[in-house]
Amino acid sequence: MPRFHLNIFSDVEARDDEGIERPDLDRVIKEAVVGVRDLVASNIREGRAVYRSHRIEITDEAGNLMHTVYFGDVIDLRD
């Protein structure tokens, strides 16, 4: 099973050295979206800003960028 790394780039940079094994990239993207929503919710609860450009970068075992999930892409803000 392939191993993917979810590296967080927000107020701090957190590299995922261990990674997770999942059957495919689509599964990892869905998990990353849930993770981003949790991070956004935590920032809101703690009164911190949420930046649309903050992101989780998903890489393969070789470090190749496979997909990016931006904070601004997973929340629905309306006027």
Protein backbone atom coordinates (compact mmCIF):
# COMPACT_ATOMS: atom_id res chain seq x y z
CA MET A 1 0.00 0.00 0.00
CA PRO A 2 1.41 3.44 -0.88
CA ARG A 3 2.58 5.82 1.83
CA PHE A 4 1.60 9.49 1.76
CA HIS A 5 2.84 12.43 3.84
CA LEU A 6 0.58 15.31 4.90
CA ASN A 7 2.71 18.40 5.52
CA ILE A 8 0.96 21.32 7.20
CA PHE A 9 1.80 24.91 6.31
CA SER A 10 -0.09 27.31 8.56
CA ASP A 11 1.04 29.43 11.52
CA VAL A 12 3.75 26.81 11.91
CA GLU A 13 5.25 24.36 9.45
CA ALA A 14 4.76 20.72 10.41
CA ARG A 15 6.44 18.09 8.25
CA ASP A 16 4.95 14.60 8.36
CA ASP A 17 8.00 12.35 8.57
CA GLU A 18 6.04 9.18 9.35
CA GLY A 19 3.27 9.35 6.75
CA ILE A 20 0.20 7.18 6.40
CA GLU A 21 -0.55 4.15 4.25
CA ARG A 22 -3.71 4.42 2.19
CA PRO A 23 -4.93 2.63 -0.94
CA ASP A 24 -5.06 5.75 -3.13
CA LEU A 25 -4.64 9.51 -3.33
CA ASP A 26 -8.39 10.20 -3.34
CA ARG A 27 -8.69 8.65 0.12
CA VAL A 28 -5.82 10.79 1.40
CA ILE A 29 -7.34 13.96 -0.05
CA LYS A 30 -10.62 13.27 1.77
CA GLU A 31 -8.72 12.81 5.05
CA ALA A 32 -6.74 16.01 4.43
CA VAL A 33 -9.98 17.97 3.89
CA VAL A 34 -11.28 16.72 7.25
CA GLY A 35 -7.97 17.69 8.84
CA VAL A 36 -8.07 21.19 7.37
CA ARG A 37 -11.62 21.69 8.59
CA ASP A 38 -10.52 20.62 12.08
CA LEU A 39 -7.62 23.09 11.98
CA VAL A 40 -9.90 25.90 10.79
CA ALA A 41 -12.44 25.12 13.53
CA SER A 42 -9.69 25.15 16.14
CA ASN A 43 -8.46 28.54 14.94
CA ILE A 44 -11.98 29.95 15.08
CA ARG A 45 -12.59 28.57 18.60
CA GLU A 46 -9.33 30.11 19.81
CA GLY A 47 -10.00 33.46 18.14
CA ARG A 48 -7.14 33.17 15.65
CA ALA A 49 -7.24 34.22 12.03
CA VAL A 50 -7.83 31.74 9.24
CA TYR A 51 -5.75 32.29 6.12
CA ARG A 52 -7.00 30.97 2.78
CA SER A 53 -3.40 30.34 1.67
CA HIS A 54 -2.60 27.99 4.56
CA ARG A 55 -2.53 24.44 3.32
CA ILE A 56 -1.78 20.76 3.63
CA GLU A 57 0.56 19.42 0.96
CA ILE A 58 0.27 15.73 0.21
CA THR A 59 3.48 14.11 -1.01
CA ASP A 60 4.42 10.57 -1.93
CA GLU A 61 7.26 8.61 -0.33
CA ALA A 62 9.80 10.22 -2.66
CA GLY A 63 8.65 13.71 -1.64
CA ASN A 64 6.84 14.47 -4.89
CA LEU A 65 3.91 16.84 -4.44
CA MET A 66 0.71 14.95 -5.26
CA HIS A 67 -1.98 17.43 -4.18
CA THR A 68 -2.53 20.60 -2.13
CA VAL A 69 -5.57 21.27 0.06
CA TYR A 70 -5.89 24.99 0.82
CA PHE A 71 -7.79 26.14 3.89
CA GLY A 72 -9.79 28.55 1.74
CA ASP A 73 -10.97 25.74 -0.54
CA VAL A 74 -12.69 23.66 2.14
CA ILE A 75 -14.80 26.27 3.91
CA ASP A 76 -17.86 27.96 2.48
CA LEU A 77 -17.87 31.63 3.47
CA ARG A 78 -20.72 33.78 2.21
CA ASP A 79 -21.94 37.36 2.58
